[in-house]
Every structure is written in structure tokens, then in C-alpha cells.
Amino acid sequence: MIGRLTGILLEKNPPQILLDVNGVGYDVEVPMSTFYNLPGNGEKISLHTHLQVREDAHVLFGFGTLDERMAFRQLLKISGIGARTALAILSGLSVSELAQAVALQESGRLTKIPGIGKKTAERLLLELRDKLAKALPGVADSVAAAAANPQSDIVHALLALGYNEKEAALALKSLPADVSVSEGIRAALKLLSKA
């Protein structure tokens, strides 16, 4: 299997790039998170890769970080999730955002990605719950720290009550930084009811 490529970036046609590695041109499909961080044409780059061998084609996927590649491979293990869908998920969410959505069981974040319906999102959350934390321990630790943040709980409570992200963020700005979850939710609801 091809695990990594280093070469000169020749072309960028989202989501595909052409990479020249010692005179051999490789078509590599990349998520938009990797695509946005690519240098200009003619520059040298290194990508962590995943080679998918199918009956009708060999498709090479490239990632800017090992975490992206690991998340991609975890997504492929889920029944009904193919490479295109996994690439779309990583294009719509960063690895840490995906891990946070899984940790907090937020299907709404996943359904915003084209091609992901409510049932697929719920299956992803269920199947990734334990696997993603084991595969990406560094990301899981930062997500756990964010989830322990009372402000995060306040925002999620407001979202669950039907407020949108903009309203929740606005209410959160007016709360003191050291507010408890229950006091924060009460104060935020008072602020939002006046608006």
C-alpha cells in the first residue's frame, strides 16, 4: 500500500490534485480541509495516503495530517459509508469537530454535510463513539476538555431548546466566564426571552 507521497504539486482541481513524484504523476483525492492548506502549484508537498483498490479502479486519497487519514479509515469501517462519503465528511468537518460531534452526540452537525441524512448521522455517531477516541487519543483528550467546559454545556442546552447557534453564542458572550451550567442556562434564557 502507498502510505505517503512527497512530490511537486502540479494541478489543483477540487477535490483532486496531481502530484509529480520523481516523474510519475499521481491523481490524489483530498478532503477540502487538506485542499485549503495546499501551497501553490510547483511547490513541494507531503501527503499521508490511503490506497483503495476496487474492481474497476485504484483510487489514492491524500491527507495533510495523520489524524485525517486515521479518521478517514475509521469512517470507511462503518457499513454503508464509502470513500466519497468519508471524504465529504472530512471536507465538512475538521477531525476535532468530528470528534466533538461524536463525543457530544450531535447529529445536527453531521446532517449539514451534503449526502448525510438523519439516519446515517445517527449510525455514524453510534459506531464512532468508542472507535474514534481510541484511534485518535490526542484529539479525544482535547474534545473531552472542551466538553467539560460549562460554556459548551450551556450552548448545547440552548441549541437543544431550539435556539440557533448565533443566538446561543450571543447569549454566551453576556455571561460571566465562571458561571455554572444551571445558572448560565437560566441567565441565557432570560436574555434570549427579552430579545
Protein backbone atom coordinates (compact mmCIF):
# COMPACT_ATOMS: atom_id res chain seq x y z
CA MET A 1 0.00 0.00 0.00
CA ILE A 2 1.16 3.54 -0.69
CA GLY A 3 1.34 5.25 2.72
CA ARG A 4 2.91 8.59 1.89
CA LEU A 5 3.81 10.67 -1.14
CA THR A 6 6.23 13.57 -1.37
CA GLY A 7 6.49 15.49 -4.60
CA ILE A 8 5.71 18.61 -6.58
CA LEU A 9 2.13 19.84 -6.76
CA LEU A 10 1.25 20.20 -10.46
CA GLU A 11 -2.52 20.80 -10.56
CA LYS A 12 -5.39 21.53 -8.17
CA ASN A 13 -8.92 20.64 -9.29
CA PRO A 14 -11.03 20.19 -6.14
CA PRO A 15 -11.20 17.59 -4.70
CA GLN A 16 -8.41 16.15 -6.86
CA ILE A 17 -4.78 17.16 -7.18
CA LEU A 18 -1.97 15.97 -9.45
CA LEU A 19 1.30 15.25 -7.66
CA ASP A 20 4.58 14.64 -9.50
CA VAL A 21 6.74 12.16 -7.58
CA ASN A 22 10.06 11.69 -9.38
CA GLY A 23 8.46 11.94 -12.83
CA VAL A 24 5.35 9.88 -12.04
CA GLY A 25 2.08 11.83 -11.83
CA TYR A 26 -0.35 10.66 -9.15
CA ASP A 27 -4.01 11.72 -9.13
CA VAL A 28 -4.86 12.11 -5.45
CA GLU A 29 -8.28 12.88 -3.98
CA VAL A 30 -8.11 15.11 -0.90
CA PRO A 31 -10.69 16.46 1.56
CA MET A 32 -11.27 20.20 1.40
CA SER A 33 -9.57 20.62 4.79
CA THR A 34 -6.34 19.42 3.18
CA PHE A 35 -7.04 21.21 -0.11
CA TYR A 36 -7.30 24.64 1.56
CA ASN A 37 -3.89 24.16 3.20
CA LEU A 38 -2.05 23.24 -0.01
CA PRO A 39 0.70 25.53 -1.27
CA GLY A 40 0.71 26.92 -4.82
CA ASN A 41 1.43 24.85 -7.93
CA GLY A 42 5.10 23.99 -8.32
CA GLU A 43 5.65 23.70 -4.56
CA LYS A 44 6.84 20.54 -2.78
CA ILE A 45 4.31 18.78 -0.52
CA SER A 46 3.97 15.59 1.50
CA LEU A 47 0.67 13.76 1.95
CA HIS A 48 -0.29 10.76 4.04
CA THR A 49 -2.19 8.48 1.70
CA HIS A 50 -4.74 5.69 1.62
CA LEU A 51 -4.98 3.47 -1.46
CA GLN A 52 -8.37 2.00 -2.19
CA VAL A 53 -8.33 -0.96 -4.56
CA ARG A 54 -11.65 -1.65 -6.26
CA GLU A 55 -12.61 -3.95 -9.06
CA ASP A 56 -12.76 -1.10 -11.56
CA ALA A 57 -10.13 1.33 -10.20
CA HIS A 58 -7.31 2.08 -7.80
CA VAL A 59 -8.05 5.38 -6.05
CA LEU A 60 -5.50 7.26 -3.99
CA PHE A 61 -6.65 9.56 -1.18
CA GLY A 62 -4.31 12.10 0.40
CA PHE A 63 -4.38 13.83 3.78
CA GLY A 64 -2.39 16.66 5.31
CA THR A 65 -2.26 15.01 8.74
CA LEU A 66 -2.15 11.51 10.16
CA ASP A 67 -5.28 12.28 12.20
CA GLU A 68 -7.23 13.00 9.00
CA ARG A 69 -6.12 9.72 7.47
CA MET A 70 -6.97 7.81 10.65
CA ALA A 71 -10.44 9.40 10.81
CA PHE A 72 -10.97 8.54 7.12
CA ARG A 73 -10.07 4.91 7.78
CA GLN A 74 -12.41 4.76 10.78
CA LEU A 75 -15.24 6.15 8.64
CA LEU A 76 -14.61 3.51 5.96
CA LYS A 77 -15.12 0.75 8.54
CA ILE A 78 -18.73 1.82 9.03
CA SER A 79 -21.27 -0.13 7.00
CA GLY A 80 -22.74 1.98 4.21
CA ILE A 81 -20.02 4.65 4.33
CA GLY A 82 -17.90 4.68 1.22
CA ALA A 83 -14.80 6.65 0.38
CA ARG A 84 -16.71 9.52 -1.25
CA THR A 85 -18.96 9.95 1.79
CA ALA A 86 -15.97 9.76 4.17
CA LEU A 87 -14.21 12.42 2.07
CA ALA A 88 -17.34 14.61 2.19
CA ILE A 89 -17.49 14.27 5.98
CA LEU A 90 -13.84 15.32 6.36
CA SER A 91 -14.45 18.17 3.92
CA GLY A 92 -17.36 19.42 6.01
CA LEU A 93 -15.82 18.96 9.46
CA SER A 94 -12.27 19.02 10.78
CA VAL A 95 -11.13 15.92 12.67
CA SER A 96 -11.55 17.70 16.01
CA GLU A 97 -15.03 18.92 15.03
CA LEU A 98 -15.99 15.38 14.02
CA ALA A 99 -14.63 14.02 17.31
CA GLN A 100 -16.54 16.70 19.23
CA ALA A 101 -19.77 15.91 17.35
CA VAL A 102 -19.30 12.22 18.19
CA ALA A 103 -18.44 12.88 21.84
CA LEU A 104 -21.46 15.15 22.30
CA GLN A 105 -23.69 13.02 20.03
CA GLU A 106 -24.62 15.99 17.82
CA SER A 107 -26.30 14.55 14.73
CA GLY A 108 -27.24 18.07 13.58
CA ARG A 109 -23.62 18.85 12.77
CA LEU A 110 -23.38 15.79 10.54
CA THR A 111 -26.69 16.34 8.73
CA LYS A 112 -25.37 19.69 7.47
CA ILE A 113 -22.93 17.74 5.28
CA PRO A 114 -24.33 17.02 1.79
CA GLY A 115 -25.32 13.36 1.45
CA ILE A 116 -25.66 12.72 5.20
CA GLY A 117 -29.23 12.20 6.34
CA LYS A 118 -30.54 11.87 9.87
CA LYS A 119 -30.35 8.05 9.96
CA THR A 120 -26.82 7.98 8.55
CA ALA A 121 -25.72 10.65 11.04
CA GLU A 122 -27.15 8.69 13.96
CA ARG A 123 -25.44 5.49 12.76
CA LEU A 124 -22.13 7.36 12.43
CA LEU A 125 -22.43 8.72 15.96
CA LEU A 126 -23.26 5.31 17.37
CA GLU A 127 -20.50 3.41 15.58
CA LEU A 128 -17.78 6.06 16.02
CA ARG A 129 -18.45 6.70 19.72
CA ASP A 130 -15.75 4.35 21.06
CA LYS A 131 -13.66 3.83 17.93
CA LEU A 132 -12.73 7.45 17.24
CA ALA A 133 -11.47 8.11 20.78
CA LYS A 134 -9.24 5.00 20.62
CA ALA A 135 -7.90 5.82 17.15
CA LEU A 136 -7.22 9.49 17.90
CA PRO A 137 -6.29 9.80 21.60
CA GLY A 138 -4.82 13.32 21.29
CA VAL A 139 -7.95 14.67 19.63
CA ALA A 140 -10.18 12.81 22.08
CA ASP A 141 -8.40 14.43 25.05
CA SER A 142 -8.92 17.95 23.69
CA VAL A 143 -12.58 17.15 22.95
CA ALA A 144 -13.06 15.83 26.49
CA ALA A 145 -11.59 19.06 27.87
CA ALA A 146 -13.91 21.14 25.68
CA ALA A 147 -16.89 19.01 26.69
CA ALA A 148 -16.05 19.58 30.38
CA ASN A 149 -16.28 23.32 29.76
CA PRO A 150 -19.55 24.64 31.26
CA GLN A 151 -19.94 27.14 28.41
CA SER A 152 -20.08 24.25 25.96
CA ASP A 153 -22.89 22.66 28.01
CA ILE A 154 -24.79 25.95 28.06
CA VAL A 155 -24.57 26.31 24.28
CA HIS A 156 -25.71 22.71 23.73
CA ALA A 157 -28.64 23.20 26.08
CA LEU A 158 -29.73 26.31 24.20
CA LEU A 159 -29.41 24.51 20.87
CA ALA A 160 -31.47 21.62 22.22
CA LEU A 161 -34.15 24.11 23.27
CA GLY A 162 -34.46 25.33 19.68
CA TYR A 163 -32.25 28.41 19.63
CA ASN A 164 -29.81 28.74 16.74
CA GLU A 165 -26.02 28.90 17.08
CA LYS A 166 -25.91 32.68 16.59
CA GLU A 167 -28.43 33.28 19.41
CA ALA A 168 -26.62 30.85 21.72
CA ALA A 169 -23.24 32.50 21.04
CA LEU A 170 -24.70 35.96 21.62
CA ALA A 171 -26.23 34.91 24.96
CA LEU A 172 -22.96 33.23 25.99
CA LYS A 173 -20.98 36.44 25.43
CA SER A 174 -23.02 38.28 28.03
CA LEU A 175 -22.49 35.63 30.73
CA PRO A 176 -19.62 35.72 33.23
CA ALA A 177 -16.80 33.28 32.42
CA ASP A 178 -17.07 31.41 35.73
CA VAL A 179 -20.85 30.81 35.60
CA SER A 180 -22.15 27.34 36.44
CA VAL A 181 -24.13 25.39 33.86
CA SER A 182 -27.52 25.71 35.52
CA GLU A 183 -27.09 29.42 36.33
CA GLY A 184 -25.77 30.05 32.82
CA ILE A 185 -28.75 28.37 31.16
CA ARG A 186 -31.20 30.36 33.32
CA ALA A 187 -29.43 33.67 32.61
CA ALA A 188 -29.14 32.91 28.88
CA LEU A 189 -32.87 32.05 28.67
CA LYS A 190 -33.75 35.36 30.38
CA LEU A 191 -31.56 37.27 27.92
CA LEU A 192 -32.98 35.47 24.91
CA SER A 193 -36.59 35.91 26.02
CA LYS A 194 -36.10 39.71 26.17
CA ALA A 195 -34.64 39.84 22.67
